[in-house]
């Protein structure tokens, strides 16, 4: 099953923009995502990107 998300843009001042892609709650729950978890976005081509979970650094107790 797929989930549809809408890209949101926040404009701050002249040309400053931030883009947000919301992860639906059922998808986040299925992936067991946690608040503050670091994710890496990898662009494969214009139509494909991957989101990778970063592994936690056990000595520092945080994600690298």
N, C-alpha and C. Protein backbone atom coordinates (compact mmCIF):
# COMPACT_ATOMS: atom_id res chain seq x y z
N UNK A 1 0.83 -1.17 0.00
CA UNK A 1 0.00 0.00 0.00
C UNK A 1 0.89 1.24 0.00
N UNK A 2 0.54 2.21 -0.79
CA UNK A 2 1.31 3.45 -0.85
C UNK A 2 0.65 4.55 -0.04
N UNK A 3 1.42 5.54 0.31
CA UNK A 3 0.92 6.72 1.02
C UNK A 3 1.24 7.95 0.20
N UNK A 4 0.27 8.80 0.03
CA UNK A 4 0.43 10.04 -0.71
C UNK A 4 0.78 11.16 0.27
N UNK A 5 1.80 11.94 -0.05
CA UNK A 5 2.19 13.10 0.75
C UNK A 5 2.24 14.31 -0.16
N UNK A 6 2.01 15.45 0.42
CA UNK A 6 2.05 16.69 -0.33
C UNK A 6 3.27 17.49 0.12
N UNK A 7 4.03 17.99 -0.84
CA UNK A 7 5.19 18.80 -0.54
C UNK A 7 4.73 20.19 -0.12
N UNK A 8 5.22 20.66 1.01
CA UNK A 8 4.86 21.99 1.51
C UNK A 8 6.07 22.90 1.41
N UNK A 9 5.82 24.18 1.13
CA UNK A 9 6.89 25.16 1.04
C UNK A 9 6.57 26.30 2.00
N UNK A 10 7.58 26.68 2.79
CA UNK A 10 7.46 27.82 3.69
C UNK A 10 8.41 28.88 3.16
N UNK A 11 7.89 30.06 2.88
CA UNK A 11 8.73 31.17 2.39
C UNK A 11 9.07 32.07 3.56
N UNK A 12 10.33 32.34 3.73
CA UNK A 12 10.80 33.23 4.81
C UNK A 12 11.59 34.36 4.15
N UNK A 13 10.98 35.50 4.02
CA UNK A 13 11.66 36.62 3.39
C UNK A 13 11.67 36.47 1.88
N UNK A 14 12.59 37.16 1.22
CA UNK A 14 12.67 37.19 -0.24
C UNK A 14 12.75 35.83 -0.91
N UNK A 15 13.93 35.28 -0.99
CA UNK A 15 14.10 34.02 -1.72
C UNK A 15 14.34 32.81 -0.81
N UNK A 16 14.29 33.01 0.51
CA UNK A 16 14.49 31.89 1.43
C UNK A 16 13.24 31.01 1.45
N UNK A 17 13.44 29.74 1.13
CA UNK A 17 12.34 28.78 1.15
C UNK A 17 12.81 27.51 1.84
N UNK A 18 11.90 26.89 2.54
CA UNK A 18 12.15 25.58 3.12
C UNK A 18 11.05 24.65 2.62
N UNK A 19 11.45 23.44 2.24
CA UNK A 19 10.50 22.45 1.74
C UNK A 19 10.32 21.37 2.79
N UNK A 20 9.08 20.96 2.98
CA UNK A 20 8.76 19.93 3.96
C UNK A 20 7.98 18.81 3.28
N UNK A 21 8.40 17.59 3.52
CA UNK A 21 7.69 16.42 3.04
C UNK A 21 7.24 15.65 4.28
N UNK A 22 5.96 15.58 4.48
CA UNK A 22 5.41 14.97 5.69
C UNK A 22 5.35 13.45 5.54
N UNK A 23 5.80 12.76 6.57
CA UNK A 23 5.70 11.30 6.61
C UNK A 23 4.40 10.95 7.33
N UNK A 24 3.47 10.27 6.67
CA UNK A 24 2.21 9.90 7.31
C UNK A 24 2.44 9.05 8.56
N UNK A 25 1.62 9.26 9.58
CA UNK A 25 1.78 8.55 10.86
C UNK A 25 1.79 7.03 10.72
N UNK A 26 0.92 6.41 9.89
CA UNK A 26 0.97 4.95 9.77
C UNK A 26 2.31 4.46 9.20
N UNK A 27 2.88 5.21 8.28
CA UNK A 27 4.17 4.83 7.70
C UNK A 27 5.28 4.98 8.74
N UNK A 28 5.27 6.08 9.48
CA UNK A 28 6.27 6.29 10.54
C UNK A 28 6.18 5.19 11.60
N UNK A 29 4.96 4.80 11.94
CA UNK A 29 4.77 3.73 12.92
C UNK A 29 5.29 2.40 12.39
N UNK A 30 5.01 2.11 11.12
CA UNK A 30 5.47 0.85 10.53
C UNK A 30 6.99 0.78 10.49
N UNK A 31 7.64 1.94 10.29
CA UNK A 31 9.10 2.00 10.24
C UNK A 31 9.72 2.17 11.62
N UNK A 32 8.87 2.34 12.64
CA UNK A 32 9.32 2.57 14.02
C UNK A 32 10.23 3.78 14.11
N UNK A 33 9.87 4.86 13.41
CA UNK A 33 10.64 6.10 13.47
C UNK A 33 10.45 6.76 14.82
N UNK A 34 11.49 7.38 15.33
CA UNK A 34 11.44 8.07 16.62
C UNK A 34 11.71 9.56 16.42
N UNK A 35 11.13 10.37 17.28
CA UNK A 35 11.35 11.81 17.23
C UNK A 35 12.84 12.11 17.35
N UNK A 36 13.34 12.99 16.47
CA UNK A 36 14.74 13.38 16.51
C UNK A 36 15.68 12.43 15.79
N UNK A 37 15.16 11.33 15.28
CA UNK A 37 16.01 10.37 14.58
C UNK A 37 16.57 11.01 13.31
N UNK A 38 17.83 10.74 13.02
CA UNK A 38 18.48 11.31 11.84
C UNK A 38 18.27 10.40 10.64
N UNK A 39 17.86 11.01 9.53
CA UNK A 39 17.63 10.30 8.29
C UNK A 39 18.47 10.94 7.20
N UNK A 40 18.91 10.14 6.26
CA UNK A 40 19.72 10.61 5.14
C UNK A 40 18.92 10.44 3.85
N UNK A 41 18.84 11.49 3.05
CA UNK A 41 18.14 11.44 1.76
C UNK A 41 19.17 11.27 0.68
N UNK A 42 18.99 10.27 -0.18
CA UNK A 42 19.90 9.99 -1.28
C UNK A 42 19.11 10.08 -2.59
N UNK A 43 19.57 10.95 -3.49
CA UNK A 43 18.89 11.12 -4.78
C UNK A 43 19.50 10.15 -5.79
N UNK A 44 18.68 9.26 -6.33
CA UNK A 44 19.12 8.30 -7.34
C UNK A 44 19.00 8.90 -8.74
N UNK A 45 17.88 9.52 -9.00
CA UNK A 45 17.65 10.24 -10.26
C UNK A 45 16.49 11.20 -10.01
N UNK A 46 16.02 11.84 -11.05
CA UNK A 46 14.97 12.84 -10.89
C UNK A 46 13.68 12.28 -10.29
N UNK A 47 13.44 11.01 -10.45
CA UNK A 47 12.20 10.39 -10.01
C UNK A 47 12.34 9.48 -8.80
N UNK A 48 13.55 9.25 -8.35
CA UNK A 48 13.78 8.27 -7.28
C UNK A 48 14.71 8.81 -6.21
N UNK A 49 14.29 8.71 -4.96
CA UNK A 49 15.21 8.99 -3.86
C UNK A 49 14.96 7.99 -2.75
N UNK A 50 15.99 7.80 -1.94
CA UNK A 50 15.92 6.87 -0.81
C UNK A 50 16.05 7.66 0.48
N UNK A 51 15.40 7.19 1.49
CA UNK A 51 15.58 7.74 2.82
C UNK A 51 16.21 6.64 3.66
N UNK A 52 17.37 6.91 4.21
CA UNK A 52 18.09 5.90 4.99
C UNK A 52 18.16 6.32 6.45
N UNK A 53 17.94 5.35 7.30
CA UNK A 53 18.10 5.57 8.74
C UNK A 53 19.59 5.54 9.06
N UNK A 54 20.04 6.52 9.83
CA UNK A 54 21.45 6.54 10.26
C UNK A 54 21.62 5.65 11.48
N UNK A 55 22.72 4.94 11.52
CA UNK A 55 22.99 4.06 12.66
C UNK A 55 23.41 4.89 13.87
N UNK A 56 23.00 4.46 15.06
CA UNK A 56 23.37 5.16 16.29
C UNK A 56 24.82 4.85 16.62
N UNK A 57 25.53 5.85 17.13
CA UNK A 57 26.89 5.68 17.62
C UNK A 57 26.79 5.28 19.09
N UNK A 58 27.10 4.00 19.44
CA UNK A 58 26.88 3.52 20.82
C UNK A 58 27.70 4.28 21.86
N UNK A 59 28.89 4.80 21.48
CA UNK A 59 29.71 5.52 22.47
C UNK A 59 29.14 6.89 22.78
N UNK A 60 28.55 7.53 21.80
CA UNK A 60 28.04 8.88 22.01
C UNK A 60 26.54 8.88 22.33
N UNK A 61 25.86 7.75 22.08
CA UNK A 61 24.45 7.67 22.37
C UNK A 61 23.59 8.50 21.43
N UNK A 62 24.12 8.80 20.27
CA UNK A 62 23.33 9.56 19.31
C UNK A 62 23.59 9.02 17.91
N UNK A 63 22.79 9.47 16.97
CA UNK A 63 22.90 8.98 15.60
C UNK A 63 23.96 9.74 14.83
N UNK A 64 24.69 9.02 14.01
CA UNK A 64 25.73 9.62 13.16
C UNK A 64 25.27 9.61 11.72
